[in-house]
Amino acid sequence: MAREVLEETGLCVECGRLLGTAELPGPDGTIIDVSDYLAVVTGGELAAADDAADARWVTAANLASLPLTDGLAGYLAAWAVTPP
């Protein structure tokens, strides 16, 4: 997980416990299996990788104004990552 986070965000992280898993809709009717883990940033600089348009820190209140993958906000709330 740490290698993937570094490649996708430029951040070095210490991996923590599994928060939860989900199946989210992907492009062209595909299903994406997601496993989200708790992580602590230990270094690096946040930057979007070549497959992302943007990378930034946001508050839980800002999530409602962002174009999220269907179901993502519900999973984050259920895993106690964001307020319900």
PDB file of N, CA and C in Angstrom:
ATOM      1  N   MET A   1       0.815  -1.183   0.000  1.00  0.00           N
ATOM      2  CA  MET A   1       0.000   0.000   0.000  1.00  0.00           C
ATOM      3  C   MET A   1       0.864   1.253   0.000  1.00  0.00           C
ATOM      4  N   ALA A   2       1.932   1.243   0.781  1.00  0.00           N
ATOM      5  CA  ALA A   2       2.796   2.421   0.858  1.00  0.00           C
ATOM      6  C   ALA A   2       3.389   2.772  -0.511  1.00  0.00           C
ATOM      7  N   ARG A   3       3.789   1.758  -1.272  1.00  0.00           N
ATOM      8  CA  ARG A   3       4.349   2.006  -2.610  1.00  0.00           C
ATOM      9  C   ARG A   3       3.310   2.643  -3.520  1.00  0.00           C
ATOM     10  N   GLU A   4       2.082   2.142  -3.475  1.00  0.00           N
ATOM     11  CA  GLU A   4       1.012   2.672  -4.321  1.00  0.00           C
ATOM     12  C   GLU A   4       0.683   4.118  -3.950  1.00  0.00           C
ATOM     13  N   VAL A   5       0.617   4.417  -2.661  1.00  0.00           N
ATOM     14  CA  VAL A   5       0.343   5.790  -2.224  1.00  0.00           C
ATOM     15  C   VAL A   5       1.448   6.721  -2.701  1.00  0.00           C
ATOM     16  N   LEU A   6       2.698   6.298  -2.581  1.00  0.00           N
ATOM     17  CA  LEU A   6       3.811   7.119  -3.046  1.00  0.00           C
ATOM     18  C   LEU A   6       3.706   7.383  -4.546  1.00  0.00           C
ATOM     19  N   GLU A   7       3.412   6.346  -5.336  1.00  0.00           N
ATOM     20  CA  GLU A   7       3.288   6.507  -6.784  1.00  0.00           C
ATOM     21  C   GLU A   7       2.134   7.421  -7.165  1.00  0.00           C
ATOM     22  N   GLU A   8       1.012   7.310  -6.459  1.00  0.00           N
ATOM     23  CA  GLU A   8      -0.199   8.046  -6.831  1.00  0.00           C
ATOM     24  C   GLU A   8      -0.269   9.457  -6.254  1.00  0.00           C
ATOM     25  N   THR A   9       0.432   9.715  -5.125  1.00  0.00           N
ATOM     26  CA  THR A   9       0.272  11.005  -4.458  1.00  0.00           C
ATOM     27  C   THR A   9       1.574  11.730  -4.138  1.00  0.00           C
ATOM     28  N   GLY A  10       2.710  11.039  -4.216  1.00  0.00           N
ATOM     29  CA  GLY A  10       3.979  11.636  -3.822  1.00  0.00           C
ATOM     30  C   GLY A  10       4.216  11.627  -2.322  1.00  0.00           C
ATOM     31  N   LEU A  11       3.311  10.991  -1.563  1.00  0.00           N
ATOM     32  CA  LEU A  11       3.434  10.972  -0.103  1.00  0.00           C
ATOM     33  C   LEU A  11       3.999   9.652   0.402  1.00  0.00           C
ATOM     34  N   CYS A  12       4.874   9.725   1.394  1.00  0.00           N
ATOM     35  CA  CYS A  12       5.347   8.546   2.112  1.00  0.00           C
ATOM     36  C   CYS A  12       4.399   8.343   3.286  1.00  0.00           C
ATOM     37  N   VAL A  13       3.937   7.109   3.478  1.00  0.00           N
ATOM     38  CA  VAL A  13       2.990   6.842   4.555  1.00  0.00           C
ATOM     39  C   VAL A  13       3.397   5.615   5.351  1.00  0.00           C
ATOM     40  N   GLU A  14       2.959   5.596   6.607  1.00  0.00           N
ATOM     41  CA  GLU A  14       3.049   4.421   7.458  1.00  0.00           C
ATOM     42  C   GLU A  14       1.670   3.774   7.424  1.00  0.00           C
ATOM     43  N   CYS A  15       1.621   2.523   7.015  1.00  0.00           N
ATOM     44  CA  CYS A  15       0.348   1.816   6.840  1.00  0.00           C
ATOM     45  C   CYS A  15      -0.237   1.408   8.181  1.00  0.00           C
ATOM     46  N   GLY A  16      -1.545   1.572   8.292  1.00  0.00           N
ATOM     47  CA  GLY A  16      -2.266   1.187   9.485  1.00  0.00           C
ATOM     48  C   GLY A  16      -3.273   0.086   9.193  1.00  0.00           C
ATOM     49  N   ARG A  17      -4.318   0.020   9.999  1.00  0.00           N
ATOM     50  CA  ARG A  17      -5.318  -1.040   9.906  1.00  0.00           C
ATOM     51  C   ARG A  17      -6.270  -0.829   8.725  1.00  0.00           C
ATOM     52  N   LEU A  18      -6.874  -1.912   8.289  1.00  0.00           N
ATOM     53  CA  LEU A  18      -7.892  -1.866   7.251  1.00  0.00           C
ATOM     54  C   LEU A  18      -9.127  -1.173   7.800  1.00  0.00           C
ATOM     55  N   LEU A  19      -9.597  -0.132   7.100  1.00  0.00           N
ATOM     56  CA  LEU A  19     -10.822   0.566   7.504  1.00  0.00           C
ATOM     57  C   LEU A  19     -12.054  -0.116   6.943  1.00  0.00           C
ATOM     58  N   GLY A  20     -11.960  -0.583   5.696  1.00  0.00           N
ATOM     59  CA  GLY A  20     -13.098  -1.241   5.078  1.00  0.00           C
ATOM     60  C   GLY A  20     -12.843  -1.534   3.611  1.00  0.00           C
ATOM     61  N   THR A  21     -13.749  -2.306   3.033  1.00  0.00           N
ATOM     62  CA  THR A  21     -13.669  -2.633   1.613  1.00  0.00           C
ATOM     63  C   THR A  21     -14.994  -2.278   0.955  1.00  0.00           C
ATOM     64  N   ALA A  22     -14.942  -2.032  -0.343  1.00  0.00           N
ATOM     65  CA  ALA A  22     -16.151  -1.659  -1.075  1.00  0.00           C
ATOM     66  C   ALA A  22     -15.986  -2.011  -2.543  1.00  0.00           C
ATOM     67  N   GLU A  23     -17.102  -2.179  -3.207  1.00  0.00           N
ATOM     68  CA  GLU A  23     -17.132  -2.308  -4.660  1.00  0.00           C
ATOM     69  C   GLU A  23     -17.777  -1.036  -5.189  1.00  0.00           C
ATOM     70  N   LEU A  24     -17.010  -0.259  -5.952  1.00  0.00           N
ATOM     71  CA  LEU A  24     -17.491   1.016  -6.469  1.00  0.00           C
ATOM     72  C   LEU A  24     -17.578   0.966  -7.989  1.00  0.00           C
ATOM     73  N   PRO A  25     -18.523   1.724  -8.569  1.00  0.00           N
ATOM     74  CA  PRO A  25     -18.661   1.719 -10.020  1.00  0.00           C
ATOM     75  C   PRO A  25     -17.465   2.390 -10.693  1.00  0.00           C
ATOM     76  N   GLY A  26     -16.970   1.743 -11.731  1.00  0.00           N
ATOM     77  CA  GLY A  26     -15.866   2.289 -12.503  1.00  0.00           C
ATOM     78  C   GLY A  26     -16.344   2.691 -13.887  1.00  0.00           C
ATOM     79  N   PRO A  27     -15.434   3.082 -14.734  1.00  0.00           N
ATOM     80  CA  PRO A  27     -15.809   3.481 -16.086  1.00  0.00           C
ATOM     81  C   PRO A  27     -16.356   2.310 -16.899  1.00  0.00           C
ATOM     82  N   ASP A  28     -17.265   2.616 -17.808  1.00  0.00           N
ATOM     83  CA  ASP A  28     -17.821   1.629 -18.746  1.00  0.00           C
ATOM     84  C   ASP A  28     -18.457   0.434 -18.049  1.00  0.00           C
ATOM     85  N   GLY A  29     -19.090   0.664 -16.881  1.00  0.00           N
ATOM     86  CA  GLY A  29     -19.794  -0.406 -16.194  1.00  0.00           C
ATOM     87  C   GLY A  29     -18.919  -1.362 -15.411  1.00  0.00           C
ATOM     88  N   THR A  30     -17.639  -1.070 -15.293  1.00  0.00           N
ATOM     89  CA  THR A  30     -16.754  -1.944 -14.517  1.00  0.00           C
ATOM     90  C   THR A  30     -16.982  -1.729 -13.019  1.00  0.00           C
ATOM     91  N   ILE A  31     -16.516  -2.660 -12.239  1.00  0.00           N
ATOM     92  CA  ILE A  31     -16.576  -2.553 -10.784  1.00  0.00           C
ATOM     93  C   ILE A  31     -15.150  -2.497 -10.253  1.00  0.00           C
ATOM     94  N   ILE A  32     -14.903  -1.549  -9.371  1.00  0.00           N
ATOM     95  CA  ILE A  32     -13.577  -1.388  -8.784  1.00  0.00           C
ATOM     96  C   ILE A  32     -13.631  -1.867  -7.341  1.00  0.00           C
ATOM     97  N   ASP A  33     -12.785  -2.834  -6.996  1.00  0.00           N
ATOM     98  CA  ASP A  33     -12.669  -3.309  -5.623  1.00  0.00           C
ATOM     99  C   ASP A  33     -11.719  -2.383  -4.872  1.00  0.00           C
ATOM    100  N   VAL A  34     -12.215  -1.789  -3.801  1.00  0.00           N
ATOM    101  CA  VAL A  34     -11.447  -0.819  -3.030  1.00  0.00           C
ATOM    102  C   VAL A  34     -11.212  -1.354  -1.621  1.00  0.00           C
ATOM    103  N   SER A  35      -9.978  -1.251  -1.160  1.00  0.00           N
ATOM    104  CA  SER A  35      -9.628  -1.551   0.228  1.00  0.00           C
ATOM    105  C   SER A  35      -8.977  -0.294   0.787  1.00  0.00           C
ATOM    106  N   ASP A  36      -9.621   0.330   1.773  1.00  0.00           N
ATOM    107  CA  ASP A  36      -9.100   1.565   2.360  1.00  0.00           C
ATOM    108  C   ASP A  36      -8.447   1.275   3.705  1.00  0.00           C
ATOM    109  N   TYR A  37      -7.239   1.808   3.873  1.00  0.00           N
ATOM    110  CA  TYR A  37      -6.468   1.611   5.093  1.00  0.00           C
ATOM    111  C   TYR A  37      -6.197   2.948   5.760  1.00  0.00           C
ATOM    112  N   LEU A  38      -6.086   2.924   7.058  1.00  0.00           N
ATOM    113  CA  LEU A  38      -5.635   4.077   7.800  1.00  0.00           C
ATOM    114  C   LEU A  38      -4.160   4.261   7.476  1.00  0.00           C
ATOM    115  N   ALA A  39      -3.718   5.493   7.308  1.00  0.00           N
ATOM    116  CA  ALA A  39      -2.312   5.759   7.017  1.00  0.00           C
ATOM    117  C   ALA A  39      -1.905   7.080   7.653  1.00  0.00           C
ATOM    118  N   VAL A  40      -0.646   7.166   8.030  1.00  0.00           N
ATOM    119  CA  VAL A  40      -0.086   8.387   8.590  1.00  0.00           C
ATOM    120  C   VAL A  40       0.987   8.869   7.629  1.00  0.00           C
ATOM    121  N   VAL A  41       0.891  10.124   7.214  1.00  0.00           N
ATOM    122  CA  VAL A  41       1.881  10.701   6.308  1.00  0.00           C
ATOM    123  C   VAL A  41       3.175  10.933   7.083  1.00  0.00           C
ATOM    124  N   THR A  42       4.278  10.413   6.531  1.00  0.00           N
ATOM    125  CA  THR A  42       5.587  10.550   7.172  1.00  0.00           C
ATOM    126  C   THR A  42       6.562  11.384   6.356  1.00  0.00           C
ATOM    127  N   GLY A  43       6.164  11.760   5.136  1.00  0.00           N
ATOM    128  CA  GLY A  43       7.040  12.567   4.304  1.00  0.00           C
ATOM    129  C   GLY A  43       6.483  12.727   2.910  1.00  0.00           C
ATOM    130  N   GLY A  44       7.250  13.389   2.069  1.00  0.00           N
ATOM    131  CA  GLY A  44       6.843  13.610   0.692  1.00  0.00           C
ATOM    132  C   GLY A  44       6.066  14.904   0.534  1.00  0.00           C
ATOM    133  N   GLU A  45       5.659  15.149  -0.706  1.00  0.00           N
ATOM    134  CA  GLU A  45       4.898  16.350  -1.028  1.00  0.00           C
ATOM    135  C   GLU A  45       3.712  15.944  -1.889  1.00  0.00           C
ATOM    136  N   LEU A  46       2.504  16.325  -1.482  1.00  0.00           N
ATOM    137  CA  LEU A  46       1.287  15.942  -2.182  1.00  0.00           C
ATOM    138  C   LEU A  46       1.283  16.492  -3.607  1.00  0.00           C
ATOM    139  N   ALA A  47       1.093  15.602  -4.581  1.00  0.00           N
ATOM    140  CA  ALA A  47       1.026  15.979  -5.990  1.00  0.00           C
ATOM    141  C   ALA A  47       0.224  14.935  -6.736  1.00  0.00           C
ATOM    142  N   ALA A  48      -0.533  15.365  -7.735  1.00  0.00           N
ATOM    143  CA  ALA A  48      -1.309  14.442  -8.558  1.00  0.00           C
ATOM    144  C   ALA A  48      -0.379  13.645  -9.461  1.00  0.00           C
ATOM    145  N   ALA A  49      -0.625  12.339  -9.543  1.00  0.00           N
ATOM    146  CA  ALA A  49       0.145  11.486 -10.457  1.00  0.00           C
ATOM    147  C   ALA A  49      -0.396  11.678 -11.872  1.00  0.00           C
ATOM    148  N   ASP A  50       0.197  10.976 -12.824  1.00  0.00           N
ATOM    149  CA  ASP A  50      -0.195  11.175 -14.218  1.00  0.00           C
ATOM    150  C   ASP A  50      -1.622  10.735 -14.527  1.00  0.00           C
ATOM    151  N   ASP A  51      -2.243   9.941 -13.662  1.00  0.00           N
ATOM    152  CA  ASP A  51      -3.618   9.497 -13.914  1.00  0.00           C
ATOM    153  C   ASP A  51      -4.646  10.292 -13.108  1.00  0.00           C
ATOM    154  N   ALA A  52      -4.226  11.410 -12.499  1.00  0.00           N
ATOM    155  CA  ALA A  52      -5.140  12.235 -11.709  1.00  0.00           C
ATOM    156  C   ALA A  52      -5.053  13.691 -12.167  1.00  0.00           C
ATOM    157  N   ALA A  53      -6.195  14.362 -12.151  1.00  0.00           N
ATOM    158  CA  ALA A  53      -6.231  15.764 -12.541  1.00  0.00           C
ATOM    159  C   ALA A  53      -5.812  16.682 -11.396  1.00  0.00           C
ATOM    160  N   ASP A  54      -6.001  16.208 -10.145  1.00  0.00           N
ATOM    161  CA  ASP A  54      -5.753  17.064  -9.000  1.00  0.00           C
ATOM    162  C   ASP A  54      -5.493  16.210  -7.765  1.00  0.00           C
ATOM    163  N   ALA A  55      -4.764  16.755  -6.820  1.00  0.00           N
ATOM    164  CA  ALA A  55      -4.563  16.134  -5.508  1.00  0.00           C
ATOM    165  C   ALA A  55      -4.524  17.263  -4.498  1.00  0.00           C
ATOM    166  N   ARG A  56      -5.339  17.156  -3.440  1.00  0.00           N
ATOM    167  CA  ARG A  56      -5.377  18.209  -2.429  1.00  0.00           C
ATOM    168  C   ARG A  56      -5.980  17.681  -1.147  1.00  0.00           C
ATOM    169  N   TRP A  57      -5.685  18.369  -0.054  1.00  0.00           N
ATOM    170  CA  TRP A  57      -6.286  18.051   1.229  1.00  0.00           C
ATOM    171  C   TRP A  57      -7.603  18.802   1.309  1.00  0.00           C
ATOM    172  N   VAL A  58      -8.635  18.137   1.803  1.00  0.00           N
ATOM    173  CA  VAL A  58      -9.936  18.783   1.994  1.00  0.00           C
ATOM    174  C   VAL A  58     -10.501  18.398   3.357  1.00  0.00           C
ATOM    175  N   THR A  59     -11.389  19.218   3.854  1.00  0.00           N
ATOM    176  CA  THR A  59     -12.083  18.895   5.095  1.00  0.00           C
ATOM    177  C   THR A  59     -13.301  18.039   4.769  1.00  0.00           C
ATOM    178  N   ALA A  60     -13.857  17.402   5.775  1.00  0.00           N
ATOM    179  CA  ALA A  60     -15.069  16.605   5.579  1.00  0.00           C
ATOM    180  C   ALA A  60     -16.197  17.473   5.032  1.00  0.00           C
ATOM    181  N   ALA A  61     -16.268  18.720   5.453  1.00  0.00           N
ATOM    182  CA  ALA A  61     -17.310  19.631   4.973  1.00  0.00           C
ATOM    183  C   ALA A  61     -17.169  19.910   3.475  1.00  0.00           C
ATOM    184  N   ASN A  62     -15.959  19.882   2.951  1.00  0.00           N
ATOM    185  CA  ASN A  62     -15.729  20.137   1.528  1.00  0.00           C
ATOM    186  C   ASN A  62     -16.141  18.976   0.634  1.00  0.00           C
ATOM    187  N   LEU A  63     -16.266  17.774   1.181  1.00  0.00           N
ATOM    188  CA  LEU A  63     -16.570  16.598   0.364  1.00  0.00           C
ATOM    189  C   LEU A  63     -17.881  16.743  -0.405  1.00  0.00           C
ATOM    190  N   ALA A  64     -18.879  17.359   0.205  1.00  0.00           N
ATOM    191  CA  ALA A  64     -20.189  17.495  -0.440  1.00  0.00           C
ATOM    192  C   ALA A  64     -20.115  18.308  -1.726  1.00  0.00           C
ATOM    193  N   SER A  65     -19.135  19.181  -1.850  1.00  0.00           N
ATOM    194  CA  SER A  65     -19.028  20.023  -3.040  1.00  0.00           C
ATOM    195  C   SER A  65     -18.145  19.411  -4.129  1.00  0.00           C
ATOM    196  N   LEU A  66     -17.594  18.210  -3.886  1.00  0.00           N
ATOM    197  CA  LEU A  66     -16.696  17.576  -4.854  1.00  0.00           C
ATOM    198  C   LEU A  66     -17.414  16.469  -5.619  1.00  0.00           C
ATOM    199  N   PRO A  67     -17.006  16.228  -6.854  1.00  0.00           N
ATOM    200  CA  PRO A  67     -17.602  15.133  -7.644  1.00  0.00           C
ATOM    201  C   PRO A  67     -17.000  13.786  -7.229  1.00  0.00           C
ATOM    202  N   LEU A  68     -17.607  13.128  -6.245  1.00  0.00           N
ATOM    203  CA  LEU A  68     -17.098  11.860  -5.726  1.00  0.00           C
ATOM    204  C   LEU A  68     -17.674  10.678  -6.479  1.00  0.00           C
ATOM    205  N   THR A  69     -16.971   9.568  -6.468  1.00  0.00           N
ATOM    206  CA  THR A  69     -17.473   8.302  -6.992  1.00  0.00           C
ATOM    207  C   THR A  69     -18.744   7.942  -6.239  1.00  0.00           C
ATOM    208  N   ASP A  70     -19.758   7.439  -6.957  1.00  0.00           N
ATOM    209  CA  ASP A  70     -21.023   7.051  -6.337  1.00  0.00           C
ATOM    210  C   ASP A  70     -20.778   6.131  -5.144  1.00  0.00           C
ATOM    211  N   GLY A  71     -21.365   6.482  -4.000  1.00  0.00           N
ATOM    212  CA  GLY A  71     -21.267   5.650  -2.811  1.00  0.00           C
ATOM    213  C   GLY A  71     -20.087   5.935  -1.906  1.00  0.00           C
ATOM    214  N   LEU A  72     -19.084   6.666  -2.388  1.00  0.00           N
ATOM    215  CA  LEU A  72     -17.866   6.878  -1.606  1.00  0.00           C
ATOM    216  C   LEU A  72     -18.140   7.604  -0.295  1.00  0.00           C
ATOM    217  N   ALA A  73     -18.928   8.667  -0.314  1.00  0.00           N
ATOM    218  CA  ALA A  73     -19.203   9.433   0.906  1.00  0.00           C
ATOM    219  C   ALA A  73     -19.855   8.547   1.966  1.00  0.00           C
ATOM    220  N   GLY A  74     -20.754   7.676   1.561  1.00  0.00           N
ATOM    221  CA  GLY A  74     -21.407   6.759   2.498  1.00  0.00           C
ATOM    222  C   GLY A  74     -20.427   5.789   3.131  1.00  0.00           C
ATOM    223  N   TYR A  75     -19.519   5.246   2.334  1.00  0.00           N
ATOM    224  CA  TYR A  75     -18.513   4.335   2.883  1.00  0.00           C
ATOM    225  C   TYR A  75     -17.601   5.049   3.870  1.00  0.00           C
ATOM    226  N   LEU A  76     -17.156   6.249   3.537  1.00  0.00           N
ATOM    227  CA  LEU A  76     -16.275   6.994   4.437  1.00  0.00           C
ATOM    228  C   LEU A  76     -16.965   7.280   5.771  1.00  0.00           C
ATOM    229  N   ALA A  77     -18.249   7.616   5.724  1.00  0.00           N
ATOM    230  CA  ALA A  77     -19.001   7.853   6.958  1.00  0.00           C
ATOM    231  C   ALA A  77     -19.165   6.555   7.751  1.00  0.00           C
ATOM    232  N   ALA A  78     -19.471   5.450   7.064  1.00  0.00           N
ATOM    233  CA  ALA A  78     -19.661   4.159   7.736  1.00  0.00           C
ATOM    234  C   ALA A  78     -18.373   3.678   8.398  1.00  0.00           C
ATOM    235  N   TRP A  79     -17.238   4.005   7.823  1.00  0.00           N
ATOM    236  CA  TRP A  79     -15.948   3.601   8.385  1.00  0.00           C
ATOM    237  C   TRP A  79     -15.437   4.607   9.412  1.00  0.00           C
ATOM    238  N   ALA A  80     -16.258   5.626   9.737  1.00  0.00           N
ATOM    239  CA  ALA A  80     -15.932   6.662  10.730  1.00  0.00           C
ATOM    240  C   ALA A  80     -14.716   7.498  10.320  1.00  0.00           C
ATOM    241  N   VAL A  81     -14.528   7.670   9.011  1.00  0.00           N
ATOM    242  CA  VAL A  81     -13.451   8.525   8.511  1.00  0.00           C
ATOM    243  C   VAL A  81     -13.938   9.963   8.418  1.00  0.00           C
ATOM    244  N   THR A  82     -15.230  10.131   8.118  1.00  0.00           N
ATOM    245  CA  THR A  82     -15.857  11.446   8.047  1.00  0.00           C
ATOM    246  C   THR A  82     -17.130  11.424   8.896  1.00  0.00           C
ATOM    247  N   PRO A  83     -17.630  12.569   9.273  1.00  0.00           N
ATOM    248  CA  PRO A  83     -18.893  12.588  10.012  1.00  0.00           C
ATOM    249  C   PRO A  83     -20.030  12.074   9.140  1.00  0.00           C
ATOM    250  N   PRO A  84     -21.061  11.468   9.762  1.00  0.00           N
ATOM    251  CA  PRO A  84     -22.193  10.934   8.968  1.00  0.00           C
ATOM    252  C   PRO A  84     -22.986  12.039   8.289  1.00  0.00           C
TER     253      PRO A  84
END
